[in-house]
Amino acid sequence: MVVKKMENTKKIYLERLPREIIESSLFMVFADEKLLVKKCGTGFEFIKFSDISGSINIKKISGIHFIGINNKTAHYCFRAENLFKTESVELEFHDLRGLMPLLDQSQFTMAGKAAQVLYWDKTTKFCGECGRKTKHSESERAKICPECGRHYYPAVTPAIIVAVMKDDKILLAHNKNFADGVYSLIAGFVEPGESLEECVKREVGEETGIEVFNVKYFQSQPWPFPSSMMIGFTASYKNGEIKPDGEEIIHADWFDSSNMPNLPRPGSLSRKLIDAFTADPTKLNS
């Protein structure tokens, strides 16, 4: 299949794609970090090129990326800043976070991968070692410096998120960057030379002042904001009193399943962990 040969190769020029591929594929078009989607019933779907063909000059698109095949349909992505403005009432640019509960899991996975690939393409135009302009590899999803030969692959930054349990209660915190009244779990990026379990203990200690033990893996989730891998854990309270750091965490407390605050949107790993707790507080960290 022609599409499969394009996977993980250099950036593709839309005008060079066979018409049958363009007509049968779905496109994830980003502008100002927002995704163009089409209304369908109560949700949204990715667009076909025919939805925007009258509003855009394909020769002005610098290149597109093949993202993968979902439901037997090829998916591509490209940036469209300053290329067109749609007047269709069915088409809208949406923040990817806001689309999380409105797309099914496979759609959001595709959109997240597209966002990460475009971010990588945007931020690796030049070699970080010698400053030369990079080129796309002919054989894999990578950028290569023609001067020093350094390869640049899409980078993924590991981060942890943890549900800390104390008896039948869960530790939730309000971050200064959250919307008013919204509480979530403790999270943070893994530092060089640090294991995931060490990161869990450090982040909980730094942000809330308590110690934890019995750290257990729960689940992971690609997190395209802009290019993280969120790794979920549960942990048990060991000792200490809650003392928010005041820099990131403004307030934190223990909550039981019958008295929960406003929570993150459905679809995120933090919400999956919290929902697992509310479904059975005794089972999550057993």
C-alpha atoms as a PDB file:
ATOM      1  CA  MET A   1       0.000   0.000   0.000  1.00  0.00           C
ATOM      2  CA  VAL A   2       1.401   3.404  -0.996  1.00  0.00           C
ATOM      3  CA  VAL A   3       0.446   5.028   2.306  1.00  0.00           C
ATOM      4  CA  LYS A   4       2.424   2.541   4.411  1.00  0.00           C
ATOM      5  CA  LYS A   5       5.618   3.381   2.519  1.00  0.00           C
ATOM      6  CA  MET A   6       5.284   6.995   3.638  1.00  0.00           C
ATOM      7  CA  GLU A   7       5.174   6.195   7.347  1.00  0.00           C
ATOM      8  CA  ASN A   8       8.089   7.623   9.363  1.00  0.00           C
ATOM      9  CA  THR A   9       9.703   9.193   6.303  1.00  0.00           C
ATOM     10  CA  LYS A  10      10.511  12.781   5.460  1.00  0.00           C
ATOM     11  CA  LYS A  11       7.940  15.516   5.243  1.00  0.00           C
ATOM     12  CA  ILE A  12       5.587  15.006   2.285  1.00  0.00           C
ATOM     13  CA  TYR A  13       4.389  17.695  -0.109  1.00  0.00           C
ATOM     14  CA  LEU A  14       0.634  17.624  -0.479  1.00  0.00           C
ATOM     15  CA  GLU A  15       0.660  18.549  -4.150  1.00  0.00           C
ATOM     16  CA  ARG A  16       2.699  15.401  -4.864  1.00  0.00           C
ATOM     17  CA  LEU A  17       0.277  12.992  -3.211  1.00  0.00           C
ATOM     18  CA  PRO A  18      -1.893  10.931  -5.566  1.00  0.00           C
ATOM     19  CA  ARG A  19      -5.421  12.310  -5.814  1.00  0.00           C
ATOM     20  CA  GLU A  20      -6.968   9.037  -4.600  1.00  0.00           C
ATOM     21  CA  ILE A  21      -4.970   9.250  -1.360  1.00  0.00           C
ATOM     22  CA  ILE A  22      -5.920  12.883  -0.791  1.00  0.00           C
ATOM     23  CA  GLU A  23      -9.602  12.138  -1.373  1.00  0.00           C
ATOM     24  CA  SER A  24      -9.700   9.058   0.895  1.00  0.00           C
ATOM     25  CA  SER A  25      -7.636  10.447   3.813  1.00  0.00           C
ATOM     26  CA  LEU A  26      -8.409  12.547   6.880  1.00  0.00           C
ATOM     27  CA  PHE A  27      -6.407  15.660   7.754  1.00  0.00           C
ATOM     28  CA  MET A  28      -5.504  17.235  11.075  1.00  0.00           C
ATOM     29  CA  VAL A  29      -4.899  20.911  10.367  1.00  0.00           C
ATOM     30  CA  PHE A  30      -3.339  23.022  13.103  1.00  0.00           C
ATOM     31  CA  ALA A  31      -3.134  26.809  13.420  1.00  0.00           C
ATOM     32  CA  ASP A  32      -1.945  28.634  16.546  1.00  0.00           C
ATOM     33  CA  GLU A  33      -1.801  25.217  18.262  1.00  0.00           C
ATOM     34  CA  LYS A  34      -5.521  24.685  17.621  1.00  0.00           C
ATOM     35  CA  LEU A  35      -6.992  21.834  15.597  1.00  0.00           C
ATOM     36  CA  LEU A  36      -9.528  22.306  12.802  1.00  0.00           C
ATOM     37  CA  VAL A  37     -12.464  19.924  13.262  1.00  0.00           C
ATOM     38  CA  LYS A  38     -15.890  19.383  11.752  1.00  0.00           C
ATOM     39  CA  LYS A  39     -19.102  19.257  13.747  1.00  0.00           C
ATOM     40  CA  CYS A  40     -20.908  15.917  13.703  1.00  0.00           C
ATOM     41  CA  GLY A  41     -23.911  15.401  15.936  1.00  0.00           C
ATOM     42  CA  THR A  42     -22.838  16.071  19.509  1.00  0.00           C
ATOM     43  CA  GLY A  43     -19.103  15.812  18.794  1.00  0.00           C
ATOM     44  CA  PHE A  44     -16.429  16.515  16.226  1.00  0.00           C
ATOM     45  CA  GLU A  45     -14.505  14.651  13.543  1.00  0.00           C
ATOM     46  CA  PHE A  46     -11.381  15.254  11.483  1.00  0.00           C
ATOM     47  CA  ILE A  47     -11.792  16.956   8.148  1.00  0.00           C
ATOM     48  CA  LYS A  48     -11.445  15.680   4.608  1.00  0.00           C
ATOM     49  CA  PHE A  49      -9.406  17.761   2.212  1.00  0.00           C
ATOM     50  CA  SER A  50     -12.567  18.477   0.227  1.00  0.00           C
ATOM     51  CA  ASP A  51     -13.840  20.419   3.272  1.00  0.00           C
ATOM     52  CA  ILE A  52     -11.119  23.051   2.810  1.00  0.00           C
ATOM     53  CA  SER A  53      -9.923  22.639  -0.786  1.00  0.00           C
ATOM     54  CA  GLY A  54     -11.741  25.786  -1.897  1.00  0.00           C
ATOM     55  CA  SER A  55     -10.116  27.883   0.831  1.00  0.00           C
ATOM     56  CA  ILE A  56      -6.464  26.883   0.586  1.00  0.00           C
ATOM     57  CA  ASN A  57      -3.689  26.782  -1.993  1.00  0.00           C
ATOM     58  CA  ILE A  58      -1.930  23.450  -1.546  1.00  0.00           C
ATOM     59  CA  LYS A  59       1.250  24.836  -3.102  1.00  0.00           C
ATOM     60  CA  LYS A  60       1.621  27.138  -0.089  1.00  0.00           C
ATOM     61  CA  ILE A  61       1.650  24.225   2.350  1.00  0.00           C
ATOM     62  CA  SER A  62       5.315  23.657   3.235  1.00  0.00           C
ATOM     63  CA  GLY A  63       4.728  19.981   3.871  1.00  0.00           C
ATOM     64  CA  ILE A  64       2.578  17.432   5.650  1.00  0.00           C
ATOM     65  CA  HIS A  65       3.285  14.442   7.870  1.00  0.00           C
ATOM     66  CA  PHE A  66       1.766  10.985   7.666  1.00  0.00           C
ATOM     67  CA  ILE A  67       0.584  10.102  11.177  1.00  0.00           C
ATOM     68  CA  GLY A  68      -0.923   6.649  10.808  1.00  0.00           C
ATOM     69  CA  ILE A  69      -3.948   4.583   9.859  1.00  0.00           C
ATOM     70  CA  ASN A  70      -7.050   4.451  12.034  1.00  0.00           C
ATOM     71  CA  ASN A  71     -10.212   2.569  11.036  1.00  0.00           C
ATOM     72  CA  LYS A  72      -8.557   1.761   7.698  1.00  0.00           C
ATOM     73  CA  THR A  73      -8.184   5.476   6.918  1.00  0.00           C
ATOM     74  CA  ALA A  74      -4.873   7.298   6.473  1.00  0.00           C
ATOM     75  CA  HIS A  75      -4.347  10.379   8.663  1.00  0.00           C
ATOM     76  CA  TYR A  76      -2.097  13.321   7.806  1.00  0.00           C
ATOM     77  CA  CYS A  77      -1.337  16.606   9.531  1.00  0.00           C
ATOM     78  CA  PHE A  78       0.039  20.020   8.622  1.00  0.00           C
ATOM     79  CA  ARG A  79       0.200  23.580   9.891  1.00  0.00           C
ATOM     80  CA  ALA A  80      -1.983  26.200   8.252  1.00  0.00           C
ATOM     81  CA  GLU A  81      -0.984  29.482   9.892  1.00  0.00           C
ATOM     82  CA  ASN A  82      -1.955  32.401   7.640  1.00  0.00           C
ATOM     83  CA  LEU A  83      -2.928  30.014   4.840  1.00  0.00           C
ATOM     84  CA  PHE A  84      -6.681  30.179   5.003  1.00  0.00           C
ATOM     85  CA  LYS A  85      -9.706  31.213   7.011  1.00  0.00           C
ATOM     86  CA  THR A  86     -12.739  29.002   6.812  1.00  0.00           C
ATOM     87  CA  GLU A  87     -16.195  30.542   6.661  1.00  0.00           C
ATOM     88  CA  SER A  88     -18.001  27.227   7.060  1.00  0.00           C
ATOM     89  CA  VAL A  89     -20.241  27.041  10.117  1.00  0.00           C
ATOM     90  CA  GLU A  90     -19.383  23.338  10.395  1.00  0.00           C
ATOM     91  CA  LEU A  91     -15.620  23.877  10.732  1.00  0.00           C
ATOM     92  CA  GLU A  92     -14.010  25.237  13.880  1.00  0.00           C
ATOM     93  CA  PHE A  93     -10.529  25.566  15.342  1.00  0.00           C
ATOM     94  CA  HIS A  94     -10.469  24.096  18.850  1.00  0.00           C
ATOM     95  CA  ASP A  95      -7.922  23.862  21.637  1.00  0.00           C
ATOM     96  CA  LEU A  96      -6.751  20.247  21.836  1.00  0.00           C
ATOM     97  CA  ARG A  97      -7.353  20.040  25.592  1.00  0.00           C
ATOM     98  CA  GLY A  98     -10.957  21.071  25.092  1.00  0.00           C
ATOM     99  CA  LEU A  99     -11.421  18.382  22.466  1.00  0.00           C
ATOM    100  CA  MET A 100     -10.247  15.601  24.788  1.00  0.00           C
ATOM    101  CA  PRO A 101     -13.731  14.634  26.033  1.00  0.00           C
ATOM    102  CA  LEU A 102     -15.306  15.264  22.610  1.00  0.00           C
ATOM    103  CA  LEU A 103     -13.123  12.910  20.541  1.00  0.00           C
ATOM    104  CA  ASP A 104     -13.018   9.166  20.996  1.00  0.00           C
ATOM    105  CA  GLN A 105      -9.788   7.656  22.345  1.00  0.00           C
ATOM    106  CA  SER A 106      -8.406   6.659  18.941  1.00  0.00           C
ATOM    107  CA  GLN A 107      -9.107  10.118  17.509  1.00  0.00           C
ATOM    108  CA  PHE A 108      -7.442  11.888  20.414  1.00  0.00           C
ATOM    109  CA  THR A 109      -4.440   9.561  20.113  1.00  0.00           C
ATOM    110  CA  MET A 110      -4.086  10.528  16.440  1.00  0.00           C
ATOM    111  CA  ALA A 111      -4.509  14.237  17.192  1.00  0.00           C
ATOM    112  CA  GLY A 112      -2.005  14.058  20.047  1.00  0.00           C
ATOM    113  CA  LYS A 113       0.571  12.317  17.871  1.00  0.00           C
ATOM    114  CA  ALA A 114       0.038  14.919  15.153  1.00  0.00           C
ATOM    115  CA  ALA A 115       0.525  17.775  17.611  1.00  0.00           C
ATOM    116  CA  GLN A 116       3.770  16.240  18.894  1.00  0.00           C
ATOM    117  CA  VAL A 117       5.152  15.613  15.396  1.00  0.00           C
ATOM    118  CA  LEU A 118       4.385  19.184  14.328  1.00  0.00           C
ATOM    119  CA  TYR A 119       5.986  20.552  17.507  1.00  0.00           C
ATOM    120  CA  TRP A 120       9.113  18.468  16.808  1.00  0.00           C
ATOM    121  CA  ASP A 121       9.216  19.680  13.210  1.00  0.00           C
ATOM    122  CA  LYS A 122       8.844  23.302  14.323  1.00  0.00           C
ATOM    123  CA  THR A 123      11.514  23.161  17.035  1.00  0.00           C
ATOM    124  CA  THR A 124      14.238  21.222  15.174  1.00  0.00           C
ATOM    125  CA  LYS A 125      14.706  23.412  12.120  1.00  0.00           C
ATOM    126  CA  PHE A 126      18.316  24.020  13.101  1.00  0.00           C
ATOM    127  CA  CYS A 127      20.979  21.841  14.671  1.00  0.00           C
ATOM    128  CA  GLY A 128      21.458  22.572  18.359  1.00  0.00           C
ATOM    129  CA  GLU A 129      25.136  21.665  18.145  1.00  0.00           C
ATOM    130  CA  CYS A 130      26.446  23.536  15.093  1.00  0.00           C
ATOM    131  CA  GLY A 131      23.513  25.717  14.032  1.00  0.00           C
ATOM    132  CA  ARG A 132      23.103  24.389  10.493  1.00  0.00           C
ATOM    133  CA  LYS A 133      19.639  23.919   9.024  1.00  0.00           C
ATOM    134  CA  THR A 134      18.466  20.323   9.419  1.00  0.00           C
ATOM    135  CA  LYS A 135      17.007  18.060   6.761  1.00  0.00           C
ATOM    136  CA  HIS A 136      14.396  15.336   6.983  1.00  0.00           C
ATOM    137  CA  SER A 137      15.656  11.778   6.878  1.00  0.00           C
ATOM    138  CA  GLU A 138      14.702   9.734   3.828  1.00  0.00           C
ATOM    139  CA  SER A 139      14.149   6.531   5.824  1.00  0.00           C
ATOM    140  CA  GLU A 140      12.721   7.410   9.273  1.00  0.00           C
ATOM    141  CA  ARG A 141      11.008  10.154  11.241  1.00  0.00           C
ATOM    142  CA  ALA A 142      14.142  12.114  12.061  1.00  0.00           C
ATOM    143  CA  LYS A 143      15.984  15.321  11.230  1.00  0.00           C
ATOM    144  CA  ILE A 144      19.653  15.142  10.256  1.00  0.00           C
ATOM    145  CA  CYS A 145      22.241  17.901  10.384  1.00  0.00           C
ATOM    146  CA  PRO A 146      24.147  17.892   7.064  1.00  0.00           C
ATOM    147  CA  GLU A 147      27.194  19.449   8.773  1.00  0.00           C
ATOM    148  CA  CYS A 148      27.837  17.333  11.875  1.00  0.00           C
ATOM    149  CA  GLY A 149      25.494  14.404  11.194  1.00  0.00           C
ATOM    150  CA  ARG A 150      23.535  14.700  14.418  1.00  0.00           C
ATOM    151  CA  HIS A 151      20.088  13.078  14.375  1.00  0.00           C
ATOM    152  CA  TYR A 152      17.011  14.639  15.955  1.00  0.00           C
ATOM    153  CA  TYR A 153      14.094  12.341  16.733  1.00  0.00           C
ATOM    154  CA  PRO A 154      10.749  13.447  18.194  1.00  0.00           C
ATOM    155  CA  ALA A 155      11.538  13.892  21.887  1.00  0.00           C
ATOM    156  CA  VAL A 156       9.186  12.648  24.601  1.00  0.00           C
ATOM    157  CA  THR A 157       9.516  14.090  28.100  1.00  0.00           C
ATOM    158  CA  PRO A 158       8.526  11.729  30.954  1.00  0.00           C
ATOM    159  CA  ALA A 159       6.317  13.076  33.729  1.00  0.00           C
ATOM    160  CA  ILE A 160       4.637  11.359  36.659  1.00  0.00           C
ATOM    161  CA  ILE A 161       1.176  11.822  38.126  1.00  0.00           C
ATOM    162  CA  VAL A 162       0.201  10.128  41.375  1.00  0.00           C
ATOM    163  CA  ALA A 163      -2.899   9.319  43.400  1.00  0.00           C
ATOM    164  CA  VAL A 164      -1.810   9.376  47.046  1.00  0.00           C
ATOM    165  CA  MET A 165      -4.098   7.390  49.345  1.00  0.00           C
ATOM    166  CA  LYS A 166      -4.654   7.717  53.089  1.00  0.00           C
ATOM    167  CA  ASP A 167      -7.185   5.236  54.426  1.00  0.00           C
ATOM    168  CA  ASP A 168     -10.270   5.905  52.271  1.00  0.00           C
ATOM    169  CA  LYS A 169      -9.217   9.379  51.144  1.00  0.00           C
ATOM    170  CA  ILE A 170      -7.222  10.746  48.199  1.00  0.00           C
ATOM    171  CA  LEU A 171      -4.817  13.693  48.083  1.00  0.00           C
ATOM    172  CA  LEU A 172      -5.999  16.413  45.705  1.00  0.00           C
ATOM    173  CA  ALA A 173      -4.392  19.786  45.106  1.00  0.00           C
ATOM    174  CA  HIS A 174      -5.205  23.111  43.477  1.00  0.00           C
ATOM    175  CA  ASN A 175      -2.405  24.354  41.235  1.00  0.00           C
ATOM    176  CA  LYS A 176      -2.147  28.092  40.655  1.00  0.00           C
ATOM    177  CA  ASN A 177      -2.526  27.469  36.901  1.00  0.00           C
ATOM    178  CA  PHE A 178      -5.808  25.580  37.281  1.00  0.00           C
ATOM    179  CA  ALA A 179      -9.235  27.106  36.748  1.00  0.00           C
ATOM    180  CA  ASP A 180     -10.877  28.358  39.928  1.00  0.00           C
ATOM    181  CA  GLY A 181     -11.987  25.551  42.204  1.00  0.00           C
ATOM    182  CA  VAL A 182     -10.453  22.726  40.160  1.00  0.00           C
ATOM    183  CA  TYR A 183      -8.392  20.117  42.010  1.00  0.00           C
ATOM    184  CA  SER A 184      -6.243  17.350  40.596  1.00  0.00           C
ATOM    185  CA  LEU A 185      -3.365  15.016  41.476  1.00  0.00           C
ATOM    186  CA  ILE A 186       0.273  15.796  42.164  1.00  0.00           C
ATOM    187  CA  ALA A 187       2.353  15.677  38.981  1.00  0.00           C
ATOM    188  CA  GLY A 188       5.786  16.694  37.774  1.00  0.00           C
ATOM    189  CA  PHE A 189       8.619  16.080  35.331  1.00  0.00           C
ATOM    190  CA  VAL A 190      11.277  13.443  35.854  1.00  0.00           C
ATOM    191  CA  GLU A 191      14.743  14.884  36.485  1.00  0.00           C
ATOM    192  CA  PRO A 192      18.012  13.550  34.970  1.00  0.00           C
ATOM    193  CA  GLY A 193      19.296  10.482  36.806  1.00  0.00           C
ATOM    194  CA  GLU A 194      15.999   9.955  38.615  1.00  0.00           C
ATOM    195  CA  SER A 195      13.811   6.862  38.563  1.00  0.00           C
ATOM    196  CA  LEU A 196      10.057   7.203  38.166  1.00  0.00           C
ATOM    197  CA  GLU A 197       9.486   6.038  41.740  1.00  0.00           C
ATOM    198  CA  GLU A 198      12.016   8.554  43.056  1.00  0.00           C
ATOM    199  CA  CYS A 199      10.267  11.271  41.085  1.00  0.00           C
ATOM    200  CA  VAL A 200       6.918  10.366  42.657  1.00  0.00           C
ATOM    201  CA  LYS A 201       8.321  10.655  46.174  1.00  0.00           C
ATOM    202  CA  ARG A 202      10.206  13.885  45.419  1.00  0.00           C
ATOM    203  CA  GLU A 203       7.286  15.668  43.740  1.00  0.00           C
ATOM    204  CA  VAL A 204       4.837  14.760  46.514  1.00  0.00           C
ATOM    205  CA  GLY A 205       7.347  15.903  49.137  1.00  0.00           C
ATOM    206  CA  GLU A 206       8.232  19.155  47.391  1.00  0.00           C
ATOM    207  CA  GLU A 207       4.673  20.180  46.620  1.00  0.00           C
ATOM    208  CA  THR A 208       2.798  19.016  49.725  1.00  0.00           C
ATOM    209  CA  GLY A 209       5.409  18.239  52.400  1.00  0.00           C
ATOM    210  CA  ILE A 210       4.317  14.646  53.037  1.00  0.00           C
ATOM    211  CA  GLU A 211       6.124  11.330  52.534  1.00  0.00           C
ATOM    212  CA  VAL A 212       4.752   8.351  50.611  1.00  0.00           C
ATOM    213  CA  PHE A 213       5.608   4.695  50.106  1.00  0.00           C
ATOM    214  CA  ASN A 214       4.215   1.653  48.287  1.00  0.00           C
ATOM    215  CA  VAL A 215       4.511   3.354  44.884  1.00  0.00           C
ATOM    216  CA  LYS A 216       2.754   1.291  42.187  1.00  0.00           C
ATOM    217  CA  TYR A 217       2.378   1.752  38.455  1.00  0.00           C
ATOM    218  CA  PHE A 218      -1.179   2.414  37.235  1.00  0.00           C
ATOM    219  CA  GLN A 219      -1.253   3.426  33.561  1.00  0.00           C
ATOM    220  CA  SER A 220       0.405   5.795  31.081  1.00  0.00           C
ATOM    221  CA  GLN A 221      -0.904   8.316  28.565  1.00  0.00           C
ATOM    222  CA  PRO A 222       0.776  10.314  25.787  1.00  0.00           C
ATOM    223  CA  TRP A 223       0.334  13.946  26.748  1.00  0.00           C
ATOM    224  CA  PRO A 224       0.841  16.290  23.764  1.00  0.00           C
ATOM    225  CA  PHE A 225       1.189  19.557  25.711  1.00  0.00           C
ATOM    226  CA  PRO A 226       3.577  19.835  24.039  1.00  0.00           C
ATOM    227  CA  SER A 227       5.378  16.453  24.059  1.00  0.00           C
ATOM    228  CA  SER A 228       5.169  14.529  27.314  1.00  0.00           C
ATOM    229  CA  MET A 229       4.479  10.967  28.379  1.00  0.00           C
ATOM    230  CA  MET A 230       2.365  11.014  31.526  1.00  0.00           C
ATOM    231  CA  ILE A 231       3.028   7.973  33.715  1.00  0.00           C
ATOM    232  CA  GLY A 232       0.445   7.311  36.405  1.00  0.00           C
ATOM    233  CA  PHE A 233       1.071   5.831  39.842  1.00  0.00           C
ATOM    234  CA  THR A 234      -0.666   5.199  43.126  1.00  0.00           C
ATOM    235  CA  ALA A 235       1.078   5.607  46.465  1.00  0.00           C
ATOM    236  CA  SER A 236       0.309   5.275  50.176  1.00  0.00           C
ATOM    237  CA  TYR A 237       0.634   8.048  52.740  1.00  0.00           C
ATOM    238  CA  LYS A 238       3.571   7.497  55.120  1.00  0.00           C
ATOM    239  CA  ASN A 239       3.849  10.561  57.365  1.00  0.00           C
ATOM    240  CA  GLY A 240       3.865  14.354  57.535  1.00  0.00           C
ATOM    241  CA  GLU A 241       1.369  17.195  57.483  1.00  0.00           C
ATOM    242  CA  ILE A 242       0.157  18.807  54.270  1.00  0.00           C
ATOM    243  CA  LYS A 243       2.065  22.032  53.631  1.00  0.00           C
ATOM    244  CA  PRO A 244       1.539  23.339  50.061  1.00  0.00           C
ATOM    245  CA  ASP A 245       4.690  24.817  48.550  1.00  0.00           C
ATOM    246  CA  GLY A 246       2.873  28.067  47.708  1.00  0.00           C
ATOM    247  CA  GLU A 247       4.629  28.299  44.348  1.00  0.00           C
ATOM    248  CA  GLU A 248       2.771  25.704  42.309  1.00  0.00           C
ATOM    249  CA  ILE A 249       0.309  24.271  44.822  1.00  0.00           C
ATOM    250  CA  ILE A 250      -1.963  26.814  46.509  1.00  0.00           C
ATOM    251  CA  HIS A 251      -4.059  24.357  48.496  1.00  0.00           C
ATOM    252  CA  ALA A 252      -4.156  20.594  49.051  1.00  0.00           C
ATOM    253  CA  ASP A 253      -6.267  18.318  51.203  1.00  0.00           C
ATOM    254  CA  TRP A 254      -7.623  14.798  51.660  1.00  0.00           C
ATOM    255  CA  PHE A 255     -10.980  14.067  50.007  1.00  0.00           C
ATOM    256  CA  ASP A 256     -13.290  11.084  50.243  1.00  0.00           C
ATOM    257  CA  SER A 257     -15.429   9.780  47.402  1.00  0.00           C
ATOM    258  CA  SER A 258     -18.596  11.384  48.777  1.00  0.00           C
ATOM    259  CA  ASN A 259     -17.157  14.904  48.923  1.00  0.00           C
ATOM    260  CA  MET A 260     -15.099  15.576  45.783  1.00  0.00           C
ATOM    261  CA  PRO A 261     -14.214  19.063  44.481  1.00  0.00           C
ATOM    262  CA  ASN A 262     -14.333  20.157  40.835  1.00  0.00           C
ATOM    263  CA  LEU A 263     -12.177  17.735  38.861  1.00  0.00           C
ATOM    264  CA  PRO A 264     -10.180  17.712  35.589  1.00  0.00           C
ATOM    265  CA  ARG A 265     -11.962  17.003  32.316  1.00  0.00           C
ATOM    266  CA  PRO A 266     -12.769  13.384  31.448  1.00  0.00           C
ATOM    267  CA  GLY A 267     -10.195  11.661  29.262  1.00  0.00           C
ATOM    268  CA  SER A 268      -7.061  12.721  31.098  1.00  0.00           C
ATOM    269  CA  LEU A 269      -4.989  10.232  33.087  1.00  0.00           C
ATOM    270  CA  SER A 270      -5.526  12.301  36.226  1.00  0.00           C
ATOM    271  CA  ARG A 271      -9.275  11.914  35.830  1.00  0.00           C
ATOM    272  CA  LYS A 272      -8.930   8.158  35.172  1.00  0.00           C
ATOM    273  CA  LEU A 273      -7.002   7.762  38.433  1.00  0.00           C
ATOM    274  CA  ILE A 274      -9.519   9.842  40.376  1.00  0.00           C
ATOM    275  CA  ASP A 275     -12.469   7.981  38.832  1.00  0.00           C
ATOM    276  CA  ALA A 276     -10.832   4.659  39.785  1.00  0.00           C
ATOM    277  CA  PHE A 277     -10.673   5.936  43.348  1.00  0.00           C
ATOM    278  CA  THR A 278     -14.302   7.085  43.487  1.00  0.00           C
ATOM    279  CA  ALA A 279     -15.443   3.760  42.011  1.00  0.00           C
ATOM    280  CA  ASP A 280     -13.684   1.767  44.755  1.00  0.00           C
ATOM    281  CA  PRO A 281     -11.505   3.687  47.262  1.00  0.00           C
ATOM    282  CA  THR A 282     -10.191   0.493  48.844  1.00  0.00           C
ATOM    283  CA  LYS A 283      -9.082  -1.160  45.615  1.00  0.00           C
ATOM    284  CA  LEU A 284      -6.975   1.532  43.932  1.00  0.00           C
ATOM    285  CA  ASN A 285      -3.875   1.022  46.054  1.00  0.00           C
ATOM    286  CA  SER A 286      -4.516  -2.424  47.474  1.00  0.00           C
END
